[in-house]
């Protein structure tokens, strides 16, 4: 008898209709409009009063956050696409070291693009992080707007020091380069050559080297120093070969990791990747990881 009464009480509790506080009730339904945001504080209060299952509450809040994040990203992309329609090219007008290449300084890029970016409701900021283990610096550029943020990250070795450049100046050169390229990456701005003569095309070798240096960060950590040395010792006429090698390594590693959906397994795969020392071990790593 007592067991029967207990089951009836449990059924009654399960079937109980939970009253939603006024400040969480939805307004009139508008066709095509997103559902109203849930007030998390009201839900917590309701959970306390009604002895609501906390795990179910957490799931509701998690789903709501996921929905809001997706909506924010969609709105970001909508306004970003509108912004890109107003883009105009900026030109490489300044020569680099010994006039080996040309580039467009960050301040000139910003003069053209920041008014467009702010007009469309976006903001830009950077962060810098020292990586003592590898003696590198990580530069991140954030483009934010409409509740969503996109980031471009670049890890660079410190610029070489010499009699003309002290450690502080070397760091400033590295940061300036990183800020310029992460800004260009995250905003998708257009930087073009003023002309297409032979000198300009030859000058691009320096930038090809820097782009290859950027790709190296996506390869196994224990292989990165050897790749950098190989790149530094490669003559300009042999650049396509080493760039293809580095690019292939990057794409190969990323393709394997992209197919792993479980976050823990992906973290384990990244950790094991950074223990790879050569191409043979990389092949063994791929053979081991891909079945996951």
C-alpha atoms as a PDB file:
ATOM      1  CA  UNK A   1       0.000   0.000   0.000  1.00  0.00           C
ATOM      2  CA  UNK A   2       2.759   2.427   0.959  1.00  0.00           C
ATOM      3  CA  UNK A   3       4.624   1.556  -2.235  1.00  0.00           C
ATOM      4  CA  UNK A   4       1.500   2.311  -4.308  1.00  0.00           C
ATOM      5  CA  UNK A   5       1.010   5.708  -2.607  1.00  0.00           C
ATOM      6  CA  UNK A   6       4.682   6.524  -3.196  1.00  0.00           C
ATOM      7  CA  UNK A   7       4.341   5.744  -6.938  1.00  0.00           C
ATOM      8  CA  UNK A   8       1.195   7.911  -7.182  1.00  0.00           C
ATOM      9  CA  UNK A   9       3.014  10.846  -5.552  1.00  0.00           C
ATOM     10  CA  UNK A  10       5.922  10.389  -7.935  1.00  0.00           C
ATOM     11  CA  UNK A  11       3.603  10.344 -10.972  1.00  0.00           C
ATOM     12  CA  UNK A  12       1.863  13.471  -9.697  1.00  0.00           C
ATOM     13  CA  UNK A  13       5.181  15.239  -9.241  1.00  0.00           C
ATOM     14  CA  UNK A  14       6.330  14.207 -12.726  1.00  0.00           C
ATOM     15  CA  UNK A  15       3.079  15.401 -14.310  1.00  0.00           C
ATOM     16  CA  UNK A  16       3.109  18.682 -12.390  1.00  0.00           C
ATOM     17  CA  UNK A  17       2.792  21.729 -14.640  1.00  0.00           C
ATOM     18  CA  UNK A  18       5.527  24.234 -13.894  1.00  0.00           C
ATOM     19  CA  UNK A  19       4.328  27.818 -13.941  1.00  0.00           C
ATOM     20  CA  UNK A  20       6.713  30.167 -15.719  1.00  0.00           C
ATOM     21  CA  UNK A  21       7.267  33.549 -14.043  1.00  0.00           C
ATOM     22  CA  UNK A  22       5.863  36.528 -15.927  1.00  0.00           C
ATOM     23  CA  UNK A  23       9.272  37.884 -16.872  1.00  0.00           C
ATOM     24  CA  UNK A  24      10.135  34.625 -18.687  1.00  0.00           C
ATOM     25  CA  UNK A  25       6.829  34.198 -20.571  1.00  0.00           C
ATOM     26  CA  UNK A  26       7.135  34.793 -24.319  1.00  0.00           C
ATOM     27  CA  UNK A  27       5.370  37.712 -25.976  1.00  0.00           C
ATOM     28  CA  UNK A  28       3.280  37.524 -29.135  1.00  0.00           C
ATOM     29  CA  UNK A  29       4.639  35.088 -31.712  1.00  0.00           C
ATOM     30  CA  UNK A  30       6.054  36.849 -34.757  1.00  0.00           C
ATOM     31  CA  UNK A  31       6.513  34.800 -37.902  1.00  0.00           C
ATOM     32  CA  UNK A  32      10.228  34.213 -38.592  1.00  0.00           C
ATOM     33  CA  UNK A  33      11.388  35.848 -35.354  1.00  0.00           C
ATOM     34  CA  UNK A  34      13.777  33.963 -33.028  1.00  0.00           C
ATOM     35  CA  UNK A  35      12.368  32.679 -29.733  1.00  0.00           C
ATOM     36  CA  UNK A  36      12.778  35.084 -26.813  1.00  0.00           C
ATOM     37  CA  UNK A  37      15.855  34.786 -24.608  1.00  0.00           C
ATOM     38  CA  UNK A  38      15.441  32.900 -21.360  1.00  0.00           C
ATOM     39  CA  UNK A  39      16.078  34.843 -18.166  1.00  0.00           C
ATOM     40  CA  UNK A  40      18.552  32.526 -16.348  1.00  0.00           C
ATOM     41  CA  UNK A  41      17.978  34.163 -12.948  1.00  0.00           C
ATOM     42  CA  UNK A  42      14.225  33.641 -13.174  1.00  0.00           C
ATOM     43  CA  UNK A  43      14.770  30.012 -14.166  1.00  0.00           C
ATOM     44  CA  UNK A  44      17.060  29.422 -11.182  1.00  0.00           C
ATOM     45  CA  UNK A  45      14.451  30.940  -8.850  1.00  0.00           C
ATOM     46  CA  UNK A  46      11.762  28.780 -10.447  1.00  0.00           C
ATOM     47  CA  UNK A  47      13.962  25.702 -10.037  1.00  0.00           C
ATOM     48  CA  UNK A  48      14.400  26.407  -6.323  1.00  0.00           C
ATOM     49  CA  UNK A  49      10.691  26.962  -5.732  1.00  0.00           C
ATOM     50  CA  UNK A  50       9.515  23.967  -7.766  1.00  0.00           C
ATOM     51  CA  UNK A  51      12.329  21.553  -6.875  1.00  0.00           C
ATOM     52  CA  UNK A  52      13.121  21.329 -10.592  1.00  0.00           C
ATOM     53  CA  UNK A  53      15.757  18.797 -11.733  1.00  0.00           C
ATOM     54  CA  UNK A  54      18.996  20.801 -11.852  1.00  0.00           C
ATOM     55  CA  UNK A  55      20.438  18.669 -14.670  1.00  0.00           C
ATOM     56  CA  UNK A  56      17.427  19.398 -16.852  1.00  0.00           C
ATOM     57  CA  UNK A  57      17.773  23.090 -16.024  1.00  0.00           C
ATOM     58  CA  UNK A  58      21.438  23.071 -17.000  1.00  0.00           C
ATOM     59  CA  UNK A  59      20.549  21.407 -20.301  1.00  0.00           C
ATOM     60  CA  UNK A  60      17.927  24.073 -21.051  1.00  0.00           C
ATOM     61  CA  UNK A  61      20.413  26.861 -20.340  1.00  0.00           C
ATOM     62  CA  UNK A  62      23.090  25.145 -22.409  1.00  0.00           C
ATOM     63  CA  UNK A  63      20.754  24.786 -25.385  1.00  0.00           C
ATOM     64  CA  UNK A  64      19.711  28.429 -25.037  1.00  0.00           C
ATOM     65  CA  UNK A  65      23.352  29.553 -25.017  1.00  0.00           C
ATOM     66  CA  UNK A  66      24.146  27.433 -28.072  1.00  0.00           C
ATOM     67  CA  UNK A  67      21.196  28.956 -29.899  1.00  0.00           C
ATOM     68  CA  UNK A  68      22.216  32.515 -28.953  1.00  0.00           C
ATOM     69  CA  UNK A  69      25.808  31.837 -30.048  1.00  0.00           C
ATOM     70  CA  UNK A  70      24.614  30.570 -33.438  1.00  0.00           C
ATOM     71  CA  UNK A  71      22.365  33.602 -33.887  1.00  0.00           C
ATOM     72  CA  UNK A  72      25.214  35.958 -32.942  1.00  0.00           C
ATOM     73  CA  UNK A  73      27.523  34.277 -35.466  1.00  0.00           C
ATOM     74  CA  UNK A  74      24.876  34.524 -38.203  1.00  0.00           C
ATOM     75  CA  UNK A  75      24.371  38.238 -37.509  1.00  0.00           C
ATOM     76  CA  UNK A  76      28.146  38.748 -37.466  1.00  0.00           C
ATOM     77  CA  UNK A  77      28.496  37.048 -40.866  1.00  0.00           C
ATOM     78  CA  UNK A  78      25.588  39.055 -42.310  1.00  0.00           C
ATOM     79  CA  UNK A  79      27.137  42.398 -41.364  1.00  0.00           C
ATOM     80  CA  UNK A  80      30.640  41.203 -42.275  1.00  0.00           C
ATOM     81  CA  UNK A  81      29.460  40.375 -45.808  1.00  0.00           C
ATOM     82  CA  UNK A  82      27.857  43.821 -46.102  1.00  0.00           C
ATOM     83  CA  UNK A  83      31.097  45.417 -44.897  1.00  0.00           C
ATOM     84  CA  UNK A  84      33.214  43.574 -47.463  1.00  0.00           C
ATOM     85  CA  UNK A  85      31.219  45.178 -50.288  1.00  0.00           C
ATOM     86  CA  UNK A  86      32.803  48.519 -49.342  1.00  0.00           C
ATOM     87  CA  UNK A  87      36.381  47.241 -49.320  1.00  0.00           C
ATOM     88  CA  UNK A  88      38.926  49.043 -51.482  1.00  0.00           C
ATOM     89  CA  UNK A  89      42.475  47.834 -52.123  1.00  0.00           C
ATOM     90  CA  UNK A  90      45.471  49.392 -50.395  1.00  0.00           C
ATOM     91  CA  UNK A  91      48.815  49.197 -52.115  1.00  0.00           C
ATOM     92  CA  UNK A  92      52.290  48.053 -51.144  1.00  0.00           C
ATOM     93  CA  UNK A  93      54.200  51.307 -51.228  1.00  0.00           C
ATOM     94  CA  UNK A  94      57.008  50.826 -48.690  1.00  0.00           C
ATOM     95  CA  UNK A  95      60.224  48.886 -49.241  1.00  0.00           C
ATOM     96  CA  UNK A  96      61.492  46.361 -46.721  1.00  0.00           C
ATOM     97  CA  UNK A  97      65.091  45.528 -45.836  1.00  0.00           C
ATOM     98  CA  UNK A  98      67.549  46.383 -48.627  1.00  0.00           C
ATOM     99  CA  UNK A  99      64.568  46.976 -50.935  1.00  0.00           C
ATOM    100  CA  UNK A 100      64.113  43.221 -51.360  1.00  0.00           C
ATOM    101  CA  UNK A 101      60.339  43.439 -51.063  1.00  0.00           C
ATOM    102  CA  UNK A 102      57.456  45.886 -50.731  1.00  0.00           C
ATOM    103  CA  UNK A 103      54.664  46.009 -48.197  1.00  0.00           C
ATOM    104  CA  UNK A 104      51.856  48.212 -46.915  1.00  0.00           C
ATOM    105  CA  UNK A 105      52.363  49.456 -43.310  1.00  0.00           C
ATOM    106  CA  UNK A 106      49.626  48.689 -40.778  1.00  0.00           C
ATOM    107  CA  UNK A 107      48.814  52.363 -40.165  1.00  0.00           C
ATOM    108  CA  UNK A 108      48.097  52.878 -43.876  1.00  0.00           C
ATOM    109  CA  UNK A 109      45.871  49.781 -43.953  1.00  0.00           C
ATOM    110  CA  UNK A 110      43.984  51.024 -40.893  1.00  0.00           C
ATOM    111  CA  UNK A 111      43.461  54.493 -42.359  1.00  0.00           C
ATOM    112  CA  UNK A 112      41.460  52.912 -45.162  1.00  0.00           C
ATOM    113  CA  UNK A 113      39.737  50.065 -43.295  1.00  0.00           C
ATOM    114  CA  UNK A 114      39.052  51.177 -39.710  1.00  0.00           C
ATOM    115  CA  UNK A 115      36.363  53.742 -40.719  1.00  0.00           C
ATOM    116  CA  UNK A 116      34.592  50.991 -42.685  1.00  0.00           C
ATOM    117  CA  UNK A 117      34.951  48.483 -39.840  1.00  0.00           C
ATOM    118  CA  UNK A 118      33.595  50.805 -37.134  1.00  0.00           C
ATOM    119  CA  UNK A 119      30.787  52.066 -39.367  1.00  0.00           C
ATOM    120  CA  UNK A 120      29.499  48.498 -39.655  1.00  0.00           C
ATOM    121  CA  UNK A 121      29.529  47.901 -35.898  1.00  0.00           C
ATOM    122  CA  UNK A 122      32.814  46.007 -35.507  1.00  0.00           C
ATOM    123  CA  UNK A 123      35.856  46.601 -33.311  1.00  0.00           C
ATOM    124  CA  UNK A 124      39.457  45.349 -33.484  1.00  0.00           C
ATOM    125  CA  UNK A 125      41.962  44.565 -30.741  1.00  0.00           C
ATOM    126  CA  UNK A 126      45.178  42.581 -30.322  1.00  0.00           C
ATOM    127  CA  UNK A 127      46.771  40.464 -27.617  1.00  0.00           C
ATOM    128  CA  UNK A 128      50.425  39.431 -27.249  1.00  0.00           C
ATOM    129  CA  UNK A 129      51.700  36.349 -25.453  1.00  0.00           C
ATOM    130  CA  UNK A 130      55.294  35.248 -24.910  1.00  0.00           C
ATOM    131  CA  UNK A 131      56.054  31.551 -25.395  1.00  0.00           C
ATOM    132  CA  UNK A 132      59.197  31.020 -23.268  1.00  0.00           C
ATOM    133  CA  UNK A 133      59.640  27.344 -24.173  1.00  0.00           C
ATOM    134  CA  UNK A 134      60.049  28.072 -27.895  1.00  0.00           C
ATOM    135  CA  UNK A 135      61.243  31.690 -27.546  1.00  0.00           C
ATOM    136  CA  UNK A 136      58.401  32.826 -29.766  1.00  0.00           C
ATOM    137  CA  UNK A 137      55.608  35.357 -29.467  1.00  0.00           C
ATOM    138  CA  UNK A 138      51.919  34.734 -30.181  1.00  0.00           C
ATOM    139  CA  UNK A 139      49.982  37.622 -31.743  1.00  0.00           C
ATOM    140  CA  UNK A 140      46.186  37.442 -31.868  1.00  0.00           C
ATOM    141  CA  UNK A 141      43.869  39.898 -33.621  1.00  0.00           C
ATOM    142  CA  UNK A 142      40.191  39.891 -32.565  1.00  0.00           C
ATOM    143  CA  UNK A 143      37.372  41.221 -34.728  1.00  0.00           C
ATOM    144  CA  UNK A 144      34.239  41.604 -32.577  1.00  0.00           C
ATOM    145  CA  UNK A 145      30.673  42.610 -33.269  1.00  0.00           C
ATOM    146  CA  UNK A 146      27.058  41.604 -32.652  1.00  0.00           C
ATOM    147  CA  UNK A 147      27.945  39.271 -29.782  1.00  0.00           C
ATOM    148  CA  UNK A 148      30.483  37.218 -31.746  1.00  0.00           C
ATOM    149  CA  UNK A 149      34.286  37.385 -32.054  1.00  0.00           C
ATOM    150  CA  UNK A 150      36.545  36.054 -34.787  1.00  0.00           C
ATOM    151  CA  UNK A 151      40.281  35.689 -34.170  1.00  0.00           C
ATOM    152  CA  UNK A 152      43.425  35.308 -36.260  1.00  0.00           C
ATOM    153  CA  UNK A 153      46.514  33.916 -34.498  1.00  0.00           C
ATOM    154  CA  UNK A 154      50.132  34.073 -35.617  1.00  0.00           C
ATOM    155  CA  UNK A 155      53.131  32.592 -33.778  1.00  0.00           C
ATOM    156  CA  UNK A 156      56.443  34.124 -34.776  1.00  0.00           C
ATOM    157  CA  UNK A 157      60.088  33.770 -33.785  1.00  0.00           C
ATOM    158  CA  UNK A 158      61.638  36.988 -32.495  1.00  0.00           C
ATOM    159  CA  UNK A 159      63.359  39.059 -35.171  1.00  0.00           C
ATOM    160  CA  UNK A 160      67.112  38.523 -35.401  1.00  0.00           C
ATOM    161  CA  UNK A 161      69.217  40.858 -33.304  1.00  0.00           C
ATOM    162  CA  UNK A 162      72.387  42.516 -34.576  1.00  0.00           C
ATOM    163  CA  UNK A 163      74.570  45.535 -33.944  1.00  0.00           C
ATOM    164  CA  UNK A 164      71.857  47.797 -35.321  1.00  0.00           C
ATOM    165  CA  UNK A 165      68.881  46.179 -33.536  1.00  0.00           C
ATOM    166  CA  UNK A 166      68.621  45.631 -29.780  1.00  0.00           C
ATOM    167  CA  UNK A 167      66.258  43.087 -28.116  1.00  0.00           C
ATOM    168  CA  UNK A 168      63.502  45.680 -27.569  1.00  0.00           C
ATOM    169  CA  UNK A 169      63.588  46.752 -31.215  1.00  0.00           C
ATOM    170  CA  UNK A 170      63.624  43.115 -32.354  1.00  0.00           C
ATOM    171  CA  UNK A 171      60.490  42.434 -30.306  1.00  0.00           C
ATOM    172  CA  UNK A 172      58.781  45.548 -31.706  1.00  0.00           C
ATOM    173  CA  UNK A 173      59.543  44.436 -35.275  1.00  0.00           C
ATOM    174  CA  UNK A 174      58.035  41.007 -34.609  1.00  0.00           C
ATOM    175  CA  UNK A 175      54.901  42.450 -32.997  1.00  0.00           C
ATOM    176  CA  UNK A 176      54.427  44.968 -35.811  1.00  0.00           C
ATOM    177  CA  UNK A 177      54.670  42.217 -38.425  1.00  0.00           C
ATOM    178  CA  UNK A 178      52.287  39.960 -36.498  1.00  0.00           C
ATOM    179  CA  UNK A 179      49.717  42.717 -36.009  1.00  0.00           C
ATOM    180  CA  UNK A 180      49.759  43.607 -39.698  1.00  0.00           C
ATOM    181  CA  UNK A 181      49.247  40.062 -40.925  1.00  0.00           C
ATOM    182  CA  UNK A 182      46.654  39.044 -38.320  1.00  0.00           C
ATOM    183  CA  UNK A 183      44.680  42.216 -39.098  1.00  0.00           C
ATOM    184  CA  UNK A 184      44.754  41.404 -42.805  1.00  0.00           C
ATOM    185  CA  UNK A 185      43.722  37.819 -42.068  1.00  0.00           C
ATOM    186  CA  UNK A 186      40.805  38.474 -39.713  1.00  0.00           C
ATOM    187  CA  UNK A 187      39.325  41.355 -41.743  1.00  0.00           C
ATOM    188  CA  UNK A 188      40.010  39.948 -45.202  1.00  0.00           C
ATOM    189  CA  UNK A 189      41.235  43.341 -46.391  1.00  0.00           C
ATOM    190  CA  UNK A 190      42.731  43.694 -49.871  1.00  0.00           C
ATOM    191  CA  UNK A 191      46.433  44.517 -50.208  1.00  0.00           C
ATOM    192  CA  UNK A 192      47.716  44.759 -53.772  1.00  0.00           C
ATOM    193  CA  UNK A 193      50.939  45.536 -55.617  1.00  0.00           C
ATOM    194  CA  UNK A 194      51.125  48.882 -57.388  1.00  0.00           C
ATOM    195  CA  UNK A 195      52.510  47.136 -60.459  1.00  0.00           C
ATOM    196  CA  UNK A 196      53.335  43.669 -61.706  1.00  0.00           C
ATOM    197  CA  UNK A 197      56.878  44.182 -63.048  1.00  0.00           C
ATOM    198  CA  UNK A 198      59.692  41.695 -62.467  1.00  0.00           C
ATOM    199  CA  UNK A 199      61.108  43.532 -59.451  1.00  0.00           C
ATOM    200  CA  UNK A 200      57.806  43.341 -57.594  1.00  0.00           C
ATOM    201  CA  UNK A 201      57.441  39.638 -58.333  1.00  0.00           C
ATOM    202  CA  UNK A 202      60.980  38.912 -57.142  1.00  0.00           C
ATOM    203  CA  UNK A 203      60.343  40.920 -54.009  1.00  0.00           C
ATOM    204  CA  UNK A 204      57.534  38.575 -52.988  1.00  0.00           C
ATOM    205  CA  UNK A 205      60.045  35.865 -52.013  1.00  0.00           C
ATOM    206  CA  UNK A 206      60.536  37.493 -48.606  1.00  0.00           C
ATOM    207  CA  UNK A 207      56.811  37.366 -47.931  1.00  0.00           C
ATOM    208  CA  UNK A 208      56.620  33.785 -49.177  1.00  0.00           C
ATOM    209  CA  UNK A 209      59.220  32.880 -46.561  1.00  0.00           C
ATOM    210  CA  UNK A 210      57.228  34.600 -43.818  1.00  0.00           C
ATOM    211  CA  UNK A 211      54.020  32.852 -44.892  1.00  0.00           C
ATOM    212  CA  UNK A 212      55.872  29.523 -44.796  1.00  0.00           C
ATOM    213  CA  UNK A 213      57.193  30.420 -41.336  1.00  0.00           C
ATOM    214  CA  UNK A 214      53.582  30.977 -40.249  1.00  0.00           C
ATOM    215  CA  UNK A 215      52.520  27.549 -41.572  1.00  0.00           C
ATOM    216  CA  UNK A 216      55.286  25.807 -39.603  1.00  0.00           C
ATOM    217  CA  UNK A 217      53.402  26.506 -36.364  1.00  0.00           C
ATOM    218  CA  UNK A 218      50.775  23.949 -37.468  1.00  0.00           C
ATOM    219  CA  UNK A 219      53.325  21.147 -37.815  1.00  0.00           C
ATOM    220  CA  UNK A 220      54.608  18.846 -35.010  1.00  0.00           C
ATOM    221  CA  UNK A 221      56.522  20.938 -32.447  1.00  0.00           C
ATOM    222  CA  UNK A 222      59.578  18.681 -32.418  1.00  0.00           C
ATOM    223  CA  UNK A 223      59.918  19.102 -36.197  1.00  0.00           C
ATOM    224  CA  UNK A 224      59.513  22.888 -36.274  1.00  0.00           C
ATOM    225  CA  UNK A 225      63.126  23.918 -35.584  1.00  0.00           C
ATOM    226  CA  UNK A 226      64.450  21.692 -38.378  1.00  0.00           C
ATOM    227  CA  UNK A 227      61.823  23.059 -40.774  1.00  0.00           C
ATOM    228  CA  UNK A 228      62.766  26.650 -39.903  1.00  0.00           C
ATOM    229  CA  UNK A 229      66.458  25.940 -40.473  1.00  0.00           C
ATOM    230  CA  UNK A 230      65.686  24.239 -43.784  1.00  0.00           C
ATOM    231  CA  UNK A 231      63.585  27.236 -44.860  1.00  0.00           C
ATOM    232  CA  UNK A 232      66.299  29.717 -43.848  1.00  0.00           C
ATOM    233  CA  UNK A 233      68.962  27.807 -45.808  1.00  0.00           C
ATOM    234  CA  UNK A 234      66.850  27.446 -48.953  1.00  0.00           C
ATOM    235  CA  UNK A 235      67.732  29.617 -51.959  1.00  0.00           C
ATOM    236  CA  UNK A 236      64.967  31.650 -53.597  1.00  0.00           C
ATOM    237  CA  UNK A 237      64.821  29.457 -56.698  1.00  0.00           C
ATOM    238  CA  UNK A 238      64.177  26.421 -54.451  1.00  0.00           C
ATOM    239  CA  UNK A 239      61.443  28.061 -52.359  1.00  0.00           C
ATOM    240  CA  UNK A 240      58.470  26.346 -54.070  1.00  0.00           C
ATOM    241  CA  UNK A 241      59.748  22.940 -52.972  1.00  0.00           C
ATOM    242  CA  UNK A 242      60.157  23.709 -49.273  1.00  0.00           C
ATOM    243  CA  UNK A 243      56.896  25.704 -49.187  1.00  0.00           C
ATOM    244  CA  UNK A 244      55.043  22.762 -50.732  1.00  0.00           C
ATOM    245  CA  UNK A 245      56.597  20.451 -48.126  1.00  0.00           C
ATOM    246  CA  UNK A 246      55.582  22.680 -45.191  1.00  0.00           C
ATOM    247  CA  UNK A 247      52.108  23.277 -46.608  1.00  0.00           C
ATOM    248  CA  UNK A 248      51.608  19.544 -47.127  1.00  0.00           C
ATOM    249  CA  UNK A 249      52.595  18.819 -43.521  1.00  0.00           C
ATOM    250  CA  UNK A 250      50.203  21.457 -42.206  1.00  0.00           C
ATOM    251  CA  UNK A 251      47.255  20.261 -44.301  1.00  0.00           C
ATOM    252  CA  UNK A 252      47.959  16.594 -43.516  1.00  0.00           C
ATOM    253  CA  UNK A 253      47.963  17.197 -39.743  1.00  0.00           C
ATOM    254  CA  UNK A 254      44.907  19.447 -39.767  1.00  0.00           C
ATOM    255  CA  UNK A 255      42.863  17.098 -41.960  1.00  0.00           C
ATOM    256  CA  UNK A 256      43.395  14.249 -39.505  1.00  0.00           C
ATOM    257  CA  UNK A 257      42.487  16.403 -36.482  1.00  0.00           C
ATOM    258  CA  UNK A 258      39.376  17.858 -38.156  1.00  0.00           C
ATOM    259  CA  UNK A 259      37.864  14.388 -38.475  1.00  0.00           C
ATOM    260  CA  UNK A 260      37.993  13.838 -34.693  1.00  0.00           C
ATOM    261  CA  UNK A 261      34.739  15.073 -33.144  1.00  0.00           C
ATOM    262  CA  UNK A 262      35.334  13.992 -29.549  1.00  0.00           C
ATOM    263  CA  UNK A 263      37.126  16.856 -27.767  1.00  0.00           C
ATOM    264  CA  UNK A 264      39.088  14.603 -25.390  1.00  0.00           C
ATOM    265  CA  UNK A 265      40.291  12.377 -28.206  1.00  0.00           C
ATOM    266  CA  UNK A 266      41.259  15.453 -30.202  1.00  0.00           C
ATOM    267  CA  UNK A 267      43.266  16.852 -27.273  1.00  0.00           C
ATOM    268  CA  UNK A 268      45.044  13.491 -26.887  1.00  0.00           C
ATOM    269  CA  UNK A 269      45.759  13.433 -30.619  1.00  0.00           C
ATOM    270  CA  UNK A 270      47.277  16.944 -30.524  1.00  0.00           C
ATOM    271  CA  UNK A 271      49.418  16.003 -27.526  1.00  0.00           C
ATOM    272  CA  UNK A 272      50.739  12.899 -29.288  1.00  0.00           C
ATOM    273  CA  UNK A 273      51.305  14.879 -32.520  1.00  0.00           C
ATOM    274  CA  UNK A 274      53.695  17.233 -30.746  1.00  0.00           C
ATOM    275  CA  UNK A 275      55.860  14.227 -29.768  1.00  0.00           C
ATOM    276  CA  UNK A 276      56.445  13.319 -33.423  1.00  0.00           C
ATOM    277  CA  UNK A 277      60.089  13.874 -34.435  1.00  0.00           C
ATOM    278  CA  UNK A 278      60.229  12.954 -38.145  1.00  0.00           C
ATOM    279  CA  UNK A 279      58.226  11.912 -41.201  1.00  0.00           C
ATOM    280  CA  UNK A 280      58.286   8.185 -40.312  1.00  0.00           C
ATOM    281  CA  UNK A 281      56.830   8.881 -36.870  1.00  0.00           C
ATOM    282  CA  UNK A 282      54.262  11.217 -38.457  1.00  0.00           C
ATOM    283  CA  UNK A 283      53.075   8.379 -40.705  1.00  0.00           C
ATOM    284  CA  UNK A 284      52.772   6.084 -37.677  1.00  0.00           C
ATOM    285  CA  UNK A 285      50.840   8.824 -35.842  1.00  0.00           C
ATOM    286  CA  UNK A 286      48.380   9.166 -38.722  1.00  0.00           C
ATOM    287  CA  UNK A 287      47.900   5.391 -38.959  1.00  0.00           C
ATOM    288  CA  UNK A 288      47.148   5.291 -35.241  1.00  0.00           C
ATOM    289  CA  UNK A 289      44.893   8.353 -35.084  1.00  0.00           C
ATOM    290  CA  UNK A 290      42.810   8.013 -38.249  1.00  0.00           C
ATOM    291  CA  UNK A 291      40.774   4.975 -37.030  1.00  0.00           C
ATOM    292  CA  UNK A 292      39.538   7.153 -34.124  1.00  0.00           C
END
